[in-house]
Amino acid sequence: METLLQEREGAFVLGDEFSYTECISAPWIQRFFVTMPYFRGVDFESDILAQFKCLSRWMKAVCARPSCVESRCPEDEMIAACKRYYVSFVSPGAKGSV
């Protein structure tokens, strides 16, 4: 993804145009920022995205898009859904619980 984004101009995969790629990715991107620290003790931005300049810029642009901001699930609901559906353990040192 980093390589693809390096080849593009603009904030999104299709440049300045917000596409289906972003629509499908937005909820997952939002979850990463909340669930990685909670369940894995990982600061998603500094521990992971700091290594990927273009990916970081893209993810931040997606999260900042007004439609994504308005439709964002509250953090407590994200965590509760993760606990119900797909998180079965918490990494050592993480602040969360199952």
Protein backbone atom coordinates (compact mmCIF):
# COMPACT_ATOMS: atom_id res chain seq x y z
CA MET A 1 0.00 0.00 0.00
CA GLU A 2 2.88 2.34 0.82
CA THR A 3 4.30 1.88 -2.69
CA LEU A 4 0.91 2.44 -4.32
CA LEU A 5 0.38 5.64 -2.35
CA GLN A 6 3.88 6.88 -3.17
CA GLU A 7 2.91 6.78 -6.84
CA ARG A 8 -0.19 8.91 -6.29
CA GLU A 9 -0.73 12.61 -5.82
CA GLY A 10 -3.46 13.76 -3.48
CA ALA A 11 -4.73 12.44 -0.19
CA PHE A 12 -6.52 9.32 -1.41
CA VAL A 13 -5.87 6.22 -3.53
CA LEU A 14 -7.38 7.96 -6.57
CA GLY A 15 -5.67 11.27 -5.82
CA ASP A 16 -8.12 13.88 -4.60
CA GLU A 17 -11.14 11.62 -5.13
CA PHE A 18 -12.50 9.73 -2.13
CA SER A 19 -13.19 6.24 -3.50
CA TYR A 20 -14.71 2.90 -2.56
CA THR A 21 -11.27 1.95 -1.26
CA GLU A 22 -11.56 4.60 1.43
CA CYS A 23 -15.23 3.83 2.12
CA ILE A 24 -14.43 0.19 2.80
CA SER A 25 -11.22 0.94 4.71
CA ALA A 26 -12.46 3.80 6.92
CA PRO A 27 -14.10 1.73 9.69
CA TRP A 28 -11.04 -0.53 9.94
CA ILE A 29 -8.63 2.39 9.99
CA GLN A 30 -10.65 4.03 12.76
CA ARG A 31 -10.61 0.75 14.72
CA PHE A 32 -6.83 0.39 14.44
CA PHE A 33 -6.27 3.70 16.22
CA VAL A 34 -8.52 2.57 19.09
CA THR A 35 -8.02 -1.19 19.36
CA MET A 36 -4.27 -1.52 18.83
CA PRO A 37 -3.43 0.45 22.00
CA TYR A 38 -6.28 -1.10 23.99
CA PHE A 39 -5.79 -4.78 23.16
CA ARG A 40 -2.16 -4.93 22.03
CA GLY A 41 -0.44 -2.10 23.90
CA VAL A 42 0.72 -0.67 20.57
CA ASP A 43 0.60 3.02 19.76
CA PHE A 44 -0.63 2.60 16.22
CA GLU A 45 0.62 5.98 15.06
CA SER A 46 4.11 6.05 16.55
CA ASP A 47 4.88 2.31 16.65
CA ILE A 48 3.56 1.39 13.21
CA LEU A 49 2.58 4.31 11.00
CA ALA A 50 5.77 6.24 11.71
CA GLN A 51 7.47 3.72 9.42
CA PHE A 52 5.10 4.42 6.52
CA LYS A 53 4.86 8.10 5.59
CA CYS A 54 2.35 7.74 2.75
CA LEU A 55 0.19 5.17 4.51
CA SER A 56 0.09 7.39 7.60
CA ARG A 57 -0.93 10.42 5.54
CA TRP A 58 -3.65 8.39 3.79
CA MET A 59 -5.07 6.95 7.00
CA LYS A 60 -5.15 10.37 8.64
CA ALA A 61 -6.87 11.85 5.57
CA VAL A 62 -9.50 9.11 5.64
CA CYS A 63 -10.13 9.64 9.37
CA ALA A 64 -10.37 13.41 8.89
CA ARG A 65 -12.92 13.23 6.07
CA PRO A 66 -16.16 14.83 7.32
CA SER A 67 -18.31 11.83 6.35
CA CYS A 68 -15.97 9.52 8.28
CA VAL A 69 -15.92 11.81 11.30
CA GLU A 70 -19.72 11.99 11.35
CA SER A 71 -20.21 8.25 10.98
CA ARG A 72 -17.43 7.18 13.36
CA CYS A 73 -18.44 4.60 15.92
CA PRO A 74 -17.82 5.66 19.54
CA GLU A 75 -14.64 4.13 20.99
CA ASP A 76 -16.44 2.19 23.72
CA GLU A 77 -18.66 0.57 21.09
CA MET A 78 -15.63 -0.35 18.97
CA ILE A 79 -13.99 -2.03 21.94
CA ALA A 80 -17.20 -3.83 22.94
CA ALA A 81 -17.69 -5.14 19.39
CA CYS A 82 -14.10 -6.40 19.26
CA LYS A 83 -14.59 -8.23 22.54
CA ARG A 84 -17.81 -9.84 21.25
CA TYR A 85 -16.63 -10.88 17.82
CA TYR A 86 -12.90 -11.35 17.40
CA VAL A 87 -10.58 -10.49 20.28
CA SER A 88 -9.92 -13.45 22.54
CA PHE A 89 -6.84 -12.22 24.43
CA VAL A 90 -5.07 -9.03 25.45
CA SER A 91 -1.34 -8.68 24.88
CA PRO A 92 0.88 -8.35 27.96
CA GLY A 93 1.26 -4.71 28.91
CA ALA A 94 -1.89 -3.56 27.11
CA LYS A 95 -4.39 -1.54 29.12
CA GLY A 96 -7.48 -3.41 27.93
CA SER A 97 -9.39 -6.43 29.12
CA VAL A 98 -11.52 -9.08 27.42
